Amino acid sequence: MAVKLNETAFAQAKKLIEAGKVVLDERDAWSEHQPSAEDENRFIERHGPEAYGHWHLGVDDQAGAGKGRYKFPYGDFENVHRCAVLSAESRAGQYKHYDIERACAHLHGAMDLLKELEAKPPSKNSD
């Protein structure tokens, strides 16, 4: 299996985070938040397999067409989920897909920055 970073998906994830399209959930929430197989199939029917692939940070260039070609999902077809990125980062490192692991770490850092900014109270300007 030759899984490599899906550059298009990585770019899309960065744009979504910049636009605030994120769910800042906890590490173990992905099993509850990930789209069901039915949701995935419905998305593919509406948008096609290429759009489906844009929601996965890994692509197996040796796999045939279809859902099995895409690995390391990072969102729910609308938002980037922190829990999905954390899960993907861990699994990518475990399977030595270091390019995907680094991309996940980048996304993870961007989302943690958003989380920090949300937690800080607005500063008062003193004149």
C-alpha atoms as a PDB file:
ATOM      1  CA  MET A   1       0.000   0.000   0.000  1.00  0.00           C
ATOM      2  CA  ALA A   2       1.396   3.370  -1.022  1.00  0.00           C
ATOM      3  CA  VAL A   3      -0.491   5.889   1.085  1.00  0.00           C
ATOM      4  CA  LYS A   4       0.630   9.472   0.657  1.00  0.00           C
ATOM      5  CA  LEU A   5      -0.557  12.909   1.681  1.00  0.00           C
ATOM      6  CA  ASN A   6      -3.584  14.135  -0.239  1.00  0.00           C
ATOM      7  CA  GLU A   7      -2.368  17.693  -0.880  1.00  0.00           C
ATOM      8  CA  THR A   8      -5.797  18.841  -2.097  1.00  0.00           C
ATOM      9  CA  ALA A   9      -7.448  17.636   1.092  1.00  0.00           C
ATOM     10  CA  PHE A  10      -4.744  19.268   3.216  1.00  0.00           C
ATOM     11  CA  ALA A  11      -5.279  22.600   1.432  1.00  0.00           C
ATOM     12  CA  GLN A  12      -9.037  22.307   1.888  1.00  0.00           C
ATOM     13  CA  ALA A  13      -8.656  21.531   5.594  1.00  0.00           C
ATOM     14  CA  LYS A  14      -6.429  24.592   6.098  1.00  0.00           C
ATOM     15  CA  LYS A  15      -8.974  26.825   4.325  1.00  0.00           C
ATOM     16  CA  LEU A  16     -11.819  25.430   6.419  1.00  0.00           C
ATOM     17  CA  ILE A  17      -9.896  26.083   9.628  1.00  0.00           C
ATOM     18  CA  GLU A  18      -9.091  29.640   8.508  1.00  0.00           C
ATOM     19  CA  ALA A  19     -12.812  30.137   7.833  1.00  0.00           C
ATOM     20  CA  GLY A  20     -13.694  28.870  11.303  1.00  0.00           C
ATOM     21  CA  LYS A  21     -15.377  25.718  10.000  1.00  0.00           C
ATOM     22  CA  VAL A  22     -14.125  23.600  12.899  1.00  0.00           C
ATOM     23  CA  VAL A  23     -15.453  21.518  15.752  1.00  0.00           C
ATOM     24  CA  LEU A  24     -13.062  21.814  18.691  1.00  0.00           C
ATOM     25  CA  ASP A  25     -13.973  18.496  20.251  1.00  0.00           C
ATOM     26  CA  GLU A  26     -11.935  16.112  22.366  1.00  0.00           C
ATOM     27  CA  ARG A  27      -9.685  13.284  21.216  1.00  0.00           C
ATOM     28  CA  ASP A  28     -12.069  10.360  21.681  1.00  0.00           C
ATOM     29  CA  ALA A  29     -15.157  11.954  20.110  1.00  0.00           C
ATOM     30  CA  TRP A  30     -14.481  10.863  16.511  1.00  0.00           C
ATOM     31  CA  SER A  31     -16.215   7.499  16.889  1.00  0.00           C
ATOM     32  CA  GLU A  32     -19.418   9.433  17.652  1.00  0.00           C
ATOM     33  CA  HIS A  33     -18.869  12.319  15.217  1.00  0.00           C
ATOM     34  CA  GLN A  34     -17.651  10.541  12.099  1.00  0.00           C
ATOM     35  CA  PRO A  35     -20.090  10.233   9.210  1.00  0.00           C
ATOM     36  CA  SER A  36     -21.855   6.905   8.891  1.00  0.00           C
ATOM     37  CA  ALA A  37     -21.330   4.699   5.832  1.00  0.00           C
ATOM     38  CA  GLU A  38     -24.781   5.838   4.684  1.00  0.00           C
ATOM     39  CA  ASP A  39     -23.743   9.511   5.036  1.00  0.00           C
ATOM     40  CA  GLU A  40     -20.557   8.805   3.081  1.00  0.00           C
ATOM     41  CA  ASN A  41     -22.464   7.063   0.279  1.00  0.00           C
ATOM     42  CA  ARG A  42     -24.998   9.890   0.099  1.00  0.00           C
ATOM     43  CA  PHE A  43     -22.147  12.441  -0.104  1.00  0.00           C
ATOM     44  CA  ILE A  44     -20.518  10.471  -2.938  1.00  0.00           C
ATOM     45  CA  GLU A  45     -23.823  10.259  -4.806  1.00  0.00           C
ATOM     46  CA  ARG A  46     -24.298  14.036  -4.556  1.00  0.00           C
ATOM     47  CA  HIS A  47     -20.732  15.255  -5.032  1.00  0.00           C
ATOM     48  CA  GLY A  48     -18.719  12.395  -6.516  1.00  0.00           C
ATOM     49  CA  PRO A  49     -15.729  10.378  -5.319  1.00  0.00           C
ATOM     50  CA  GLU A  50     -13.225  13.164  -5.948  1.00  0.00           C
ATOM     51  CA  ALA A  51     -15.051  15.494  -3.525  1.00  0.00           C
ATOM     52  CA  TYR A  52     -15.233  12.620  -1.039  1.00  0.00           C
ATOM     53  CA  GLY A  53     -11.463  12.268  -1.301  1.00  0.00           C
ATOM     54  CA  HIS A  54     -11.020  15.927  -0.363  1.00  0.00           C
ATOM     55  CA  TRP A  55     -12.174  14.973   3.156  1.00  0.00           C
ATOM     56  CA  HIS A  56      -9.309  12.482   3.621  1.00  0.00           C
ATOM     57  CA  LEU A  57      -5.696  13.409   4.251  1.00  0.00           C
ATOM     58  CA  GLY A  58      -4.357  10.155   2.802  1.00  0.00           C
ATOM     59  CA  VAL A  59      -4.771   8.594  -0.607  1.00  0.00           C
ATOM     60  CA  ASP A  60      -3.666   5.114  -1.603  1.00  0.00           C
ATOM     61  CA  ASP A  61      -2.431   5.462  -5.170  1.00  0.00           C
ATOM     62  CA  GLN A  62      -2.377   1.689  -5.608  1.00  0.00           C
ATOM     63  CA  ALA A  63      -6.015   1.175  -4.640  1.00  0.00           C
ATOM     64  CA  GLY A  64      -8.783   1.220  -7.189  1.00  0.00           C
ATOM     65  CA  ALA A  65     -11.465   3.857  -7.376  1.00  0.00           C
ATOM     66  CA  GLY A  66     -13.906   4.067  -4.516  1.00  0.00           C
ATOM     67  CA  LYS A  67     -14.045   4.772  -0.830  1.00  0.00           C
ATOM     68  CA  GLY A  68     -11.219   2.370   0.013  1.00  0.00           C
ATOM     69  CA  ARG A  69      -8.755   4.585  -1.834  1.00  0.00           C
ATOM     70  CA  TYR A  70      -9.031   7.319   0.793  1.00  0.00           C
ATOM     71  CA  LYS A  71      -7.586   7.203   4.316  1.00  0.00           C
ATOM     72  CA  PHE A  72      -7.400   9.472   7.351  1.00  0.00           C
ATOM     73  CA  PRO A  73     -10.699  11.376   7.333  1.00  0.00           C
ATOM     74  CA  TYR A  74     -10.614  14.758   9.040  1.00  0.00           C
ATOM     75  CA  GLY A  75     -14.197  15.981   9.055  1.00  0.00           C
ATOM     76  CA  ASP A  76     -17.895  15.479   8.540  1.00  0.00           C
ATOM     77  CA  PHE A  77     -18.239  16.967   5.008  1.00  0.00           C
ATOM     78  CA  GLU A  78     -18.887  20.386   6.525  1.00  0.00           C
ATOM     79  CA  ASN A  79     -16.407  21.006   9.356  1.00  0.00           C
ATOM     80  CA  VAL A  80     -12.923  19.907  10.357  1.00  0.00           C
ATOM     81  CA  HIS A  81     -13.111  17.937  13.599  1.00  0.00           C
ATOM     82  CA  ARG A  82     -10.237  18.234  16.045  1.00  0.00           C
ATOM     83  CA  CYS A  83     -10.890  14.660  17.209  1.00  0.00           C
ATOM     84  CA  ALA A  84     -10.550  13.356  13.630  1.00  0.00           C
ATOM     85  CA  VAL A  85      -7.272  15.203  13.103  1.00  0.00           C
ATOM     86  CA  LEU A  86      -5.894  13.873  16.404  1.00  0.00           C
ATOM     87  CA  SER A  87      -6.927  10.347  15.479  1.00  0.00           C
ATOM     88  CA  ALA A  88      -5.401  10.662  12.008  1.00  0.00           C
ATOM     89  CA  GLU A  89      -2.189  12.112  13.448  1.00  0.00           C
ATOM     90  CA  SER A  90      -1.813   9.189  15.826  1.00  0.00           C
ATOM     91  CA  ARG A  91      -2.588   6.519  13.216  1.00  0.00           C
ATOM     92  CA  ALA A  92      -0.354   8.125  10.589  1.00  0.00           C
ATOM     93  CA  GLY A  93       2.576   8.072  13.006  1.00  0.00           C
ATOM     94  CA  GLN A  94       1.811   4.493  13.990  1.00  0.00           C
ATOM     95  CA  TYR A  95       1.910   3.369  10.341  1.00  0.00           C
ATOM     96  CA  LYS A  96       4.906   5.591   9.493  1.00  0.00           C
ATOM     97  CA  HIS A  97       3.059   7.895   7.096  1.00  0.00           C
ATOM     98  CA  TYR A  98       5.152  10.831   8.241  1.00  0.00           C
ATOM     99  CA  ASP A  99       3.955  13.305   5.609  1.00  0.00           C
ATOM    100  CA  ILE A 100       0.381  12.768   6.771  1.00  0.00           C
ATOM    101  CA  GLU A 101       1.425  12.898  10.417  1.00  0.00           C
ATOM    102  CA  ARG A 102       3.136  16.278   9.850  1.00  0.00           C
ATOM    103  CA  ALA A 103       0.099  17.646   8.007  1.00  0.00           C
ATOM    104  CA  CYS A 104      -2.134  16.545  10.885  1.00  0.00           C
ATOM    105  CA  ALA A 105       0.216  18.173  13.391  1.00  0.00           C
ATOM    106  CA  HIS A 106      -0.046  21.422  11.421  1.00  0.00           C
ATOM    107  CA  LEU A 107      -3.865  21.268  11.415  1.00  0.00           C
ATOM    108  CA  HIS A 108      -3.894  20.244  15.071  1.00  0.00           C
ATOM    109  CA  GLY A 109      -1.747  23.256  15.960  1.00  0.00           C
ATOM    110  CA  ALA A 110      -3.986  25.642  14.015  1.00  0.00           C
ATOM    111  CA  MET A 111      -7.072  24.315  15.788  1.00  0.00           C
ATOM    112  CA  ASP A 112      -5.436  24.461  19.200  1.00  0.00           C
ATOM    113  CA  LEU A 113      -4.600  28.105  18.512  1.00  0.00           C
ATOM    114  CA  LEU A 114      -8.287  28.736  17.758  1.00  0.00           C
ATOM    115  CA  LYS A 115      -9.203  26.934  20.959  1.00  0.00           C
ATOM    116  CA  GLU A 116      -6.821  29.152  22.948  1.00  0.00           C
ATOM    117  CA  LEU A 117      -8.209  32.296  21.343  1.00  0.00           C
ATOM    118  CA  GLU A 118     -11.760  31.247  22.188  1.00  0.00           C
ATOM    119  CA  ALA A 119     -10.774  30.624  25.812  1.00  0.00           C
ATOM    120  CA  LYS A 120      -9.163  34.048  26.292  1.00  0.00           C
ATOM    121  CA  PRO A 121     -11.423  36.857  27.420  1.00  0.00           C
ATOM    122  CA  PRO A 122     -11.285  39.925  25.188  1.00  0.00           C
ATOM    123  CA  SER A 123      -8.636  42.366  26.310  1.00  0.00           C
ATOM    124  CA  LYS A 124      -9.623  45.843  27.391  1.00  0.00           C
ATOM    125  CA  ASN A 125      -7.874  48.756  25.799  1.00  0.00           C
ATOM    126  CA  SER A 126      -6.524  51.130  28.386  1.00  0.00           C
ATOM    127  CA  ASP A 127      -5.934  54.696  27.302  1.00  0.00           C
END
